[in-house]
Amino acid sequence: MNTNKLNKWIVTAIILLAVNSNGFCQKNEAKIKVSNFTVNVVGKHILIDWATESGFQANYFEIQRSLDGVNFKTIELVLGPDPQKPEGNSYEGFDKSSTNNKYYYRLKHVSLDGSEALSETKMLAINN
């Protein structure tokens, strides 16, 4: 490979990195609207379900859980809508119920361009 071709390739790679990298270029906030976000106990599991407004494409969602409402940890990735629901924009995930009596949940949406947005936080109190 000659020097001119190598230099053009390096410049192209740097431009692509600058456009797609968080460190070089500010990403837009994901523009997705989460609706009907609910958290309920179903049997021995916790059902987390939600819908999005149509017309938005989600890369994936992370379901995040916290025991204190501050420190969240991702417990599940949801890659696409529930195929059993005819609306086509309904999502769900499950968590295991335990002896803790309060859980906090939120959703992290990651769009196709890598931008991220957090949903509101929902609290679930379990009476044992």
N, C-alpha and C. Protein backbone atom coordinates (compact mmCIF):
# COMPACT_ATOMS: atom_id res chain seq x y z
N MET A 1 0.86 -1.17 0.00
CA MET A 1 0.00 0.00 0.00
C MET A 1 0.90 1.23 0.00
N ASN A 2 0.64 2.17 -0.92
CA ASN A 2 1.50 3.35 -0.96
C ASN A 2 1.11 4.35 0.13
N THR A 3 1.95 5.34 0.35
CA THR A 3 1.77 6.30 1.45
C THR A 3 0.51 7.13 1.30
N ASN A 4 0.16 7.56 0.09
CA ASN A 4 -1.05 8.37 -0.11
C ASN A 4 -2.31 7.58 0.24
N LYS A 5 -2.39 6.33 -0.20
CA LYS A 5 -3.55 5.51 0.14
C LYS A 5 -3.63 5.26 1.63
N LEU A 6 -2.49 5.02 2.26
CA LEU A 6 -2.47 4.80 3.71
C LEU A 6 -2.92 6.04 4.46
N ASN A 7 -2.45 7.21 4.04
CA ASN A 7 -2.85 8.47 4.69
C ASN A 7 -4.35 8.72 4.52
N LYS A 8 -4.89 8.46 3.33
CA LYS A 8 -6.34 8.63 3.10
C LYS A 8 -7.13 7.67 3.99
N TRP A 9 -6.65 6.44 4.11
CA TRP A 9 -7.33 5.46 4.96
C TRP A 9 -7.31 5.90 6.41
N ILE A 10 -6.18 6.41 6.89
CA ILE A 10 -6.05 6.87 8.28
C ILE A 10 -6.97 8.06 8.52
N VAL A 11 -7.01 9.02 7.60
CA VAL A 11 -7.88 10.18 7.75
C VAL A 11 -9.34 9.74 7.77
N THR A 12 -9.73 8.82 6.90
CA THR A 12 -11.10 8.32 6.88
C THR A 12 -11.45 7.63 8.20
N ALA A 13 -10.54 6.82 8.71
CA ALA A 13 -10.77 6.13 9.98
C ALA A 13 -10.93 7.13 11.12
N ILE A 14 -10.12 8.16 11.14
CA ILE A 14 -10.21 9.18 12.21
C ILE A 14 -11.53 9.92 12.13
N ILE A 15 -11.97 10.25 10.92
CA ILE A 15 -13.26 10.94 10.76
C ILE A 15 -14.40 10.05 11.24
N LEU A 16 -14.38 8.77 10.87
CA LEU A 16 -15.43 7.85 11.33
C LEU A 16 -15.43 7.72 12.84
N LEU A 17 -14.26 7.64 13.44
CA LEU A 17 -14.18 7.58 14.90
C LEU A 17 -14.71 8.85 15.53
N ALA A 18 -14.41 9.99 14.94
CA ALA A 18 -14.86 11.26 15.50
C ALA A 18 -16.38 11.39 15.44
N VAL A 19 -16.97 10.91 14.37
CA VAL A 19 -18.42 10.99 14.23
C VAL A 19 -19.12 10.04 15.18
N ASN A 20 -18.55 8.85 15.40
CA ASN A 20 -19.22 7.81 16.19
C ASN A 20 -18.73 7.69 17.63
N SER A 21 -17.79 8.48 18.04
CA SER A 21 -17.22 8.32 19.37
C SER A 21 -17.76 9.35 20.34
N ASN A 22 -18.03 8.91 21.56
CA ASN A 22 -18.52 9.80 22.60
C ASN A 22 -17.49 10.85 22.97
N GLY A 23 -16.21 10.54 22.86
CA GLY A 23 -15.16 11.46 23.24
C GLY A 23 -14.95 12.60 22.26
N PHE A 24 -15.31 12.44 20.99
CA PHE A 24 -15.06 13.46 20.00
C PHE A 24 -16.29 14.25 19.62
N CYS A 25 -17.42 13.64 19.68
CA CYS A 25 -18.63 14.26 19.16
C CYS A 25 -19.76 14.02 20.15
N GLN A 26 -20.50 15.04 20.47
CA GLN A 26 -21.59 14.89 21.43
C GLN A 26 -22.73 14.13 20.77
N LYS A 27 -23.23 13.10 21.45
CA LYS A 27 -24.33 12.31 20.92
C LYS A 27 -25.65 12.96 21.30
N ASN A 28 -26.62 12.80 20.43
CA ASN A 28 -27.96 13.30 20.74
C ASN A 28 -28.62 12.38 21.74
N GLU A 29 -29.46 12.95 22.57
CA GLU A 29 -30.22 12.13 23.51
C GLU A 29 -31.23 11.31 22.73
N ALA A 30 -31.40 10.07 23.13
CA ALA A 30 -32.35 9.19 22.45
C ALA A 30 -33.74 9.80 22.51
N LYS A 31 -34.44 9.78 21.40
CA LYS A 31 -35.75 10.43 21.31
C LYS A 31 -36.86 9.39 21.30
N ILE A 32 -36.97 8.63 22.35
CA ILE A 32 -38.01 7.60 22.43
C ILE A 32 -38.89 7.90 23.63
N LYS A 33 -40.16 7.68 23.47
CA LYS A 33 -41.12 7.93 24.54
C LYS A 33 -41.61 6.61 25.10
N VAL A 34 -41.32 6.38 26.38
CA VAL A 34 -41.77 5.17 27.06
C VAL A 34 -43.12 5.47 27.70
N SER A 35 -44.08 4.59 27.50
CA SER A 35 -45.40 4.76 28.11
C SER A 35 -45.83 3.45 28.74
N ASN A 36 -46.81 3.52 29.60
CA ASN A 36 -47.36 2.34 30.26
C ASN A 36 -46.28 1.50 30.94
N PHE A 37 -45.34 2.15 31.57
CA PHE A 37 -44.24 1.48 32.29
C PHE A 37 -44.78 1.03 33.63
N THR A 38 -44.87 -0.31 33.82
CA THR A 38 -45.40 -0.85 35.07
C THR A 38 -44.48 -1.93 35.62
N VAL A 39 -44.54 -2.09 36.92
CA VAL A 39 -43.78 -3.12 37.63
C VAL A 39 -44.75 -3.79 38.59
N ASN A 40 -44.95 -5.12 38.43
CA ASN A 40 -45.92 -5.85 39.24
C ASN A 40 -45.40 -7.22 39.60
N VAL A 41 -45.86 -7.73 40.74
CA VAL A 41 -45.54 -9.10 41.14
C VAL A 41 -46.51 -10.03 40.43
N VAL A 42 -45.94 -11.06 39.77
CA VAL A 42 -46.73 -12.08 39.09
C VAL A 42 -46.18 -13.42 39.53
N GLY A 43 -46.90 -14.09 40.43
CA GLY A 43 -46.40 -15.34 40.99
C GLY A 43 -45.14 -15.10 41.80
N LYS A 44 -44.07 -15.80 41.45
CA LYS A 44 -42.80 -15.64 42.17
C LYS A 44 -41.84 -14.72 41.43
N HIS A 45 -42.34 -14.02 40.43
CA HIS A 45 -41.52 -13.13 39.63
C HIS A 45 -42.04 -11.70 39.66
N ILE A 46 -41.21 -10.81 39.23
CA ILE A 46 -41.59 -9.41 39.07
C ILE A 46 -41.62 -9.14 37.58
N LEU A 47 -42.77 -8.70 37.07
CA LEU A 47 -42.94 -8.39 35.66
C LEU A 47 -42.70 -6.90 35.45
N ILE A 48 -41.78 -6.58 34.57
CA ILE A 48 -41.51 -5.20 34.19
C ILE A 48 -41.96 -5.08 32.74
N ASP A 49 -42.96 -4.26 32.47
CA ASP A 49 -43.39 -4.11 31.09
C ASP A 49 -43.64 -2.66 30.75
N TRP A 50 -43.54 -2.35 29.46
CA TRP A 50 -43.69 -0.99 28.98
C TRP A 50 -43.97 -1.01 27.48
N ALA A 51 -44.32 0.13 26.96
CA ALA A 51 -44.56 0.30 25.53
C ALA A 51 -43.82 1.56 25.08
N THR A 52 -43.63 1.67 23.80
CA THR A 52 -43.03 2.87 23.22
C THR A 52 -43.99 3.42 22.18
N GLU A 53 -43.86 4.70 21.92
CA GLU A 53 -44.66 5.29 20.86
C GLU A 53 -44.18 4.72 19.54
N SER A 54 -45.09 4.45 18.63
CA SER A 54 -44.70 3.89 17.35
C SER A 54 -43.88 4.90 16.56
N GLY A 55 -43.09 4.39 15.65
CA GLY A 55 -42.26 5.25 14.83
C GLY A 55 -40.84 5.37 15.34
N PHE A 56 -40.57 4.88 16.55
CA PHE A 56 -39.23 4.93 17.10
C PHE A 56 -38.61 3.54 17.00
N GLN A 57 -37.33 3.53 16.70
CA GLN A 57 -36.62 2.25 16.64
C GLN A 57 -35.67 2.16 17.81
N ALA A 58 -35.79 1.11 18.56
CA ALA A 58 -34.91 0.88 19.70
C ALA A 58 -33.85 -0.12 19.30
N ASN A 59 -32.62 0.15 19.66
CA ASN A 59 -31.57 -0.84 19.50
C ASN A 59 -31.77 -1.90 20.57
N TYR A 60 -31.83 -1.45 21.82
CA TYR A 60 -32.17 -2.35 22.92
C TYR A 60 -32.49 -1.53 24.17
N PHE A 61 -33.06 -2.21 25.15
CA PHE A 61 -33.33 -1.63 26.46
C PHE A 61 -32.56 -2.41 27.50
N GLU A 62 -32.16 -1.74 28.55
CA GLU A 62 -31.62 -2.39 29.73
C GLU A 62 -32.63 -2.17 30.84
N ILE A 63 -33.00 -3.25 31.53
CA ILE A 63 -33.80 -3.12 32.74
C ILE A 63 -32.80 -3.00 33.88
N GLN A 64 -32.92 -1.93 34.65
CA GLN A 64 -31.99 -1.69 35.76
C GLN A 64 -32.75 -1.73 37.07
N ARG A 65 -32.12 -2.33 38.09
CA ARG A 65 -32.72 -2.48 39.42
C ARG A 65 -31.82 -1.84 40.46
N SER A 66 -32.46 -1.31 41.51
CA SER A 66 -31.74 -0.73 42.63
C SER A 66 -32.47 -1.11 43.92
N LEU A 67 -31.71 -1.26 44.98
CA LEU A 67 -32.32 -1.51 46.29
C LEU A 67 -32.48 -0.22 47.08
N ASP A 68 -31.78 0.85 46.65
CA ASP A 68 -31.85 2.12 47.38
C ASP A 68 -32.38 3.27 46.54
N GLY A 69 -32.68 3.05 45.26
CA GLY A 69 -33.19 4.11 44.40
C GLY A 69 -32.11 5.01 43.83
N VAL A 70 -30.84 4.71 44.15
CA VAL A 70 -29.73 5.54 43.69
C VAL A 70 -28.75 4.74 42.84
N ASN A 71 -28.32 3.61 43.34
CA ASN A 71 -27.32 2.78 42.68
C ASN A 71 -28.01 1.68 41.89
N PHE A 72 -28.01 1.83 40.56
CA PHE A 72 -28.72 0.88 39.69
C PHE A 72 -27.74 -0.07 39.02
N LYS A 73 -28.23 -1.30 38.80
CA LYS A 73 -27.45 -2.33 38.12
C LYS A 73 -28.33 -2.94 37.03
N THR A 74 -27.77 -3.16 35.86
CA THR A 74 -28.52 -3.79 34.77
C THR A 74 -28.74 -5.25 35.10
N ILE A 75 -30.01 -5.68 35.02
CA ILE A 75 -30.35 -7.07 35.32
C ILE A 75 -30.80 -7.84 34.09
N GLU A 76 -31.17 -7.13 33.02
CA GLU A 76 -31.62 -7.82 31.82
C GLU A 76 -31.52 -6.89 30.61
N LEU A 77 -31.20 -7.46 29.46
CA LEU A 77 -31.24 -6.75 28.19
C LEU A 77 -32.47 -7.21 27.43
N VAL A 78 -33.21 -6.27 26.87
CA VAL A 78 -34.38 -6.59 26.06
C VAL A 78 -34.09 -6.08 24.65
N LEU A 79 -33.97 -7.01 23.71
CA LEU A 79 -33.51 -6.67 22.37
C LEU A 79 -34.62 -6.27 21.41
N GLY A 80 -35.85 -6.64 21.70
CA GLY A 80 -36.92 -6.30 20.77
C GLY A 80 -38.27 -6.38 21.44
N PRO A 81 -39.30 -5.92 20.75
CA PRO A 81 -40.64 -5.95 21.33
C PRO A 81 -41.16 -7.37 21.48
N ASP A 82 -42.17 -7.52 22.32
CA ASP A 82 -42.79 -8.82 22.57
C ASP A 82 -43.57 -9.24 21.32
N PRO A 83 -43.19 -10.34 20.67
CA PRO A 83 -43.88 -10.75 19.44
C PRO A 83 -45.30 -11.25 19.69
N GLN A 84 -45.64 -11.54 20.94
CA GLN A 84 -46.98 -12.04 21.27
C GLN A 84 -48.01 -10.92 21.34
N LYS A 85 -47.55 -9.67 21.41
CA LYS A 85 -48.47 -8.54 21.54
C LYS A 85 -48.66 -7.88 20.17
N PRO A 86 -49.91 -7.70 19.75
CA PRO A 86 -50.18 -7.22 18.40
C PRO A 86 -49.75 -5.78 18.14
N GLU A 87 -49.59 -4.98 19.18
CA GLU A 87 -49.24 -3.57 18.97
C GLU A 87 -47.86 -3.42 18.34
N GLY A 88 -46.95 -4.35 18.62
CA GLY A 88 -45.62 -4.31 18.03
C GLY A 88 -44.65 -3.39 18.72
N ASN A 89 -45.08 -2.68 19.75
CA ASN A 89 -44.17 -1.79 20.46
C ASN A 89 -44.24 -2.02 21.97
N SER A 90 -44.58 -3.24 22.35
CA SER A 90 -44.67 -3.61 23.76
C SER A 90 -43.46 -4.46 24.14
N TYR A 91 -42.92 -4.19 25.32
CA TYR A 91 -41.72 -4.87 25.80
C TYR A 91 -41.97 -5.40 27.20
N GLU A 92 -41.23 -6.44 27.58
CA GLU A 92 -41.33 -6.93 28.95
C GLU A 92 -40.07 -7.67 29.34
N GLY A 93 -39.88 -7.75 30.66
CA GLY A 93 -38.78 -8.50 31.23
C GLY A 93 -39.20 -8.96 32.61
N PHE A 94 -38.42 -9.87 33.19
CA PHE A 94 -38.74 -10.42 34.49
C PHE A 94 -37.56 -10.30 35.43
N ASP A 95 -37.88 -10.22 36.71
CA ASP A 95 -36.89 -10.25 37.77
C ASP A 95 -37.38 -11.27 38.79
N LYS A 96 -36.45 -11.86 39.53
CA LYS A 96 -36.83 -12.80 40.58
C LYS A 96 -37.16 -12.01 41.85
N SER A 97 -38.22 -12.41 42.49
CA SER A 97 -38.59 -11.80 43.76
C SER A 97 -37.75 -12.43 44.87
N SER A 98 -37.38 -11.65 45.87
CA SER A 98 -36.61 -12.19 46.99
C SER A 98 -37.17 -11.63 48.29
N THR A 99 -36.40 -11.72 49.34
CA THR A 99 -36.89 -11.28 50.64
C THR A 99 -36.85 -9.78 50.83
N ASN A 100 -36.15 -9.08 49.95
CA ASN A 100 -36.13 -7.62 50.05
C ASN A 100 -37.54 -7.09 49.81
N ASN A 101 -37.95 -6.07 50.54
CA ASN A 101 -39.33 -5.61 50.37
C ASN A 101 -39.47 -4.36 49.54
N LYS A 102 -38.37 -3.76 49.05
CA LYS A 102 -38.46 -2.61 48.17
C LYS A 102 -37.46 -2.75 47.04
N TYR A 103 -37.96 -2.52 45.82
CA TYR A 103 -37.12 -2.52 44.63
C TYR A 103 -37.42 -1.25 43.84
N TYR A 104 -36.41 -0.75 43.16
CA TYR A 104 -36.57 0.39 42.27
C TYR A 104 -36.13 -0.08 40.88
N TYR A 105 -36.92 0.28 39.88
CA TYR A 105 -36.61 -0.12 38.51
C TYR A 105 -36.64 1.10 37.60
N ARG A 106 -35.78 1.05 36.59
CA ARG A 106 -35.82 2.04 35.52
C ARG A 106 -35.35 1.35 34.24
N LEU A 107 -35.61 2.01 33.13
CA LEU A 107 -35.23 1.49 31.83
C LEU A 107 -34.17 2.40 31.23
N LYS A 108 -33.20 1.80 30.62
CA LYS A 108 -32.20 2.55 29.87
C LYS A 108 -32.37 2.17 28.41
N HIS A 109 -32.73 3.15 27.58
CA HIS A 109 -32.90 2.91 26.16
C HIS A 109 -31.60 3.28 25.45
N VAL A 110 -31.12 2.40 24.60
CA VAL A 110 -29.96 2.67 23.77
C VAL A 110 -30.43 2.64 22.32
N SER A 111 -30.31 3.77 21.63
CA SER A 111 -30.81 3.86 20.25
C SER A 111 -29.80 3.30 19.26
N LEU A 112 -30.21 3.25 18.02
CA LEU A 112 -29.37 2.70 16.97
C LEU A 112 -28.07 3.47 16.79
N ASP A 113 -28.08 4.78 17.10
CA ASP A 113 -26.85 5.57 16.96
C ASP A 113 -26.01 5.57 18.23
N GLY A 114 -26.43 4.79 19.25
CA GLY A 114 -25.66 4.69 20.48
C GLY A 114 -26.04 5.67 21.56
N SER A 115 -26.96 6.59 21.27
CA SER A 115 -27.38 7.54 22.30
C SER A 115 -28.24 6.82 23.33
N GLU A 116 -28.27 7.36 24.53
CA GLU A 116 -28.94 6.71 25.65
C GLU A 116 -29.91 7.65 26.34
N ALA A 117 -30.94 7.08 26.93
CA ALA A 117 -31.91 7.84 27.72
C ALA A 117 -32.44 6.95 28.83
N LEU A 118 -32.71 7.55 29.98
CA LEU A 118 -33.26 6.82 31.12
C LEU A 118 -34.74 7.15 31.29
N SER A 119 -35.50 6.15 31.69
CA SER A 119 -36.92 6.36 31.98
C SER A 119 -37.07 6.90 33.39
N GLU A 120 -38.30 7.13 33.76
CA GLU A 120 -38.59 7.44 35.15
C GLU A 120 -38.30 6.20 35.99
N THR A 121 -38.18 6.38 37.29
CA THR A 121 -37.94 5.27 38.21
C THR A 121 -39.26 4.83 38.84
N LYS A 122 -39.47 3.52 38.89
CA LYS A 122 -40.65 2.95 39.53
C LYS A 122 -40.24 2.19 40.77
N MET A 123 -41.00 2.33 41.85
CA MET A 123 -40.72 1.63 43.09
C MET A 123 -41.78 0.55 43.29
N LEU A 124 -41.32 -0.63 43.73
CA LEU A 124 -42.23 -1.73 44.02
C LEU A 124 -42.00 -2.17 45.45
N ALA A 125 -43.04 -2.14 46.26
CA ALA A 125 -42.96 -2.61 47.64
C ALA A 125 -43.66 -3.97 47.71
N ILE A 126 -42.96 -4.94 48.25
CA ILE A 126 -43.49 -6.30 48.38
C ILE A 126 -43.77 -6.58 49.84
N ASN A 127 -45.00 -6.96 50.13
CA ASN A 127 -45.39 -7.30 51.49
C ASN A 127 -45.25 -8.80 51.69
N ASN A 128 -44.29 -9.18 52.50
CA ASN A 128 -44.08 -10.62 52.76
C ASN A 128 -44.88 -11.08 53.95
